[in-house]
Protein backbone atom coordinates (compact mmCIF):
# COMPACT_ATOMS: atom_id res chain seq x y z
CA MET A 1 -3.20 3.76 11.94
CA ALA A 2 -6.79 4.20 10.84
CA SER A 3 -7.69 6.07 7.70
CA GLY A 4 -9.24 9.49 7.97
CA ALA A 5 -7.52 12.73 8.93
CA ASP A 6 -4.23 10.91 9.51
CA GLY A 7 -4.33 9.17 6.12
CA GLN A 8 -3.74 5.59 5.03
CA PRO A 9 -0.29 4.09 5.55
CA SER A 10 1.00 1.25 3.35
CA ARG A 11 3.02 -1.37 5.21
CA VAL A 12 4.38 -4.88 4.72
CA VAL A 13 5.20 -7.46 7.37
CA GLU A 14 6.80 -10.85 6.83
CA SER A 15 6.69 -14.20 8.61
CA LYS A 16 9.55 -16.64 8.07
CA ASP A 17 7.89 -19.48 10.00
CA GLY A 18 4.45 -19.85 8.41
CA GLY A 19 2.76 -17.23 10.59
CA GLY A 20 4.06 -18.43 13.96
CA SER A 21 5.77 -15.07 14.47
CA TRP A 22 6.00 -11.86 12.51
CA GLY A 23 8.81 -9.42 11.78
CA VAL A 24 8.74 -5.67 12.10
CA ARG A 25 6.26 -3.79 9.91
CA THR A 26 7.99 -1.80 7.17
CA ARG A 27 6.30 1.33 5.89
CA LEU A 28 6.16 1.56 2.09
CA ASN A 29 4.81 5.06 1.50
CA GLY A 30 6.67 8.16 2.60
CA GLU A 31 3.60 9.94 3.89
CA PRO A 32 0.05 8.86 4.73
CA MET A 33 -2.34 8.90 1.78
CA SER A 34 -5.84 10.30 2.18
CA LEU A 35 -8.46 7.91 0.83
CA ASP A 36 -10.12 10.98 -0.73
CA TRP A 37 -7.14 11.14 -3.12
CA LEU A 38 -8.12 7.84 -4.79
CA SER A 39 -10.10 7.95 -8.01
CA GLU A 40 -13.86 7.73 -7.55
CA THR A 41 -15.71 4.85 -9.22
CA THR A 42 -19.44 4.12 -9.48
CA LEU A 43 -18.96 1.83 -6.46
CA GLY A 44 -16.84 4.26 -4.45
CA ARG A 45 -13.08 4.45 -3.92
CA MET A 46 -11.29 1.12 -4.22
CA LEU A 47 -7.95 0.58 -2.52
CA GLY A 48 -7.93 -3.16 -1.89
CA ASP A 49 -8.54 -4.04 -5.55
CA TYR A 50 -5.06 -2.79 -6.45
CA ILE A 51 -2.75 -4.45 -3.92
CA SER A 52 -0.93 -7.76 -4.02
CA VAL A 53 2.11 -9.56 -2.71
CA SER A 54 4.25 -11.75 -4.96
CA TRP A 55 7.37 -13.76 -4.29
CA VAL A 56 10.30 -13.63 -6.72
CA GLY A 57 13.54 -15.45 -6.01
CA GLY A 58 12.46 -16.03 -2.40
CA ARG A 59 11.83 -12.31 -1.80
CA VAL A 60 8.53 -10.59 -1.14
CA ILE A 61 7.44 -7.97 -3.71
CA PRO A 62 4.53 -5.79 -2.53
CA VAL A 63 2.46 -4.11 -5.26
CA LEU A 64 0.26 -1.19 -4.23
CA SER A 65 -1.62 1.83 -5.45
CA LEU A 66 -0.57 5.25 -4.20
CA ALA A 67 -2.17 8.59 -4.89
CA GLY A 68 -1.05 12.16 -4.45
CA GLU A 69 -3.26 15.06 -3.49
CA PRO A 70 -5.40 15.85 -6.53
CA GLY A 71 -4.99 19.13 -8.33
CA PHE A 72 -6.41 19.73 -11.79
CA THR A 73 -6.23 15.96 -12.45
CA MET A 74 -5.98 12.84 -10.31
CA ALA A 75 -2.51 11.52 -9.51
CA GLN A 76 -2.68 7.78 -8.85
CA ALA A 77 -0.32 5.01 -9.94
CA ILE A 78 0.62 1.38 -9.21
CA PHE A 79 4.03 0.67 -7.64
CA ALA A 80 6.09 -2.42 -6.91
CA THR A 81 8.83 -2.41 -4.30
CA ARG A 82 10.97 -4.84 -2.39
CA ALA A 83 11.57 -5.19 1.30
CA THR A 84 15.15 -4.47 2.34
CA SER A 85 15.37 -7.24 4.93
């Protein structure tokens, strides 16, 4: 899904054979996030600077930034999760 009116989804996909084939994409955020919800910097909004994937005990641990619709203040935080597969 492209960003824009539909928002930005966060997903993870895993390969167990070095990239020869890929599993099913798993969505990490409950609802699409508008890129306009991210904090503004002097260089624009930065989403890719705050994502990573780590492996712990043979399991993938995605780390990502999610933001909620701004009100009086910005609502953005960093989250780590684990795939259920």
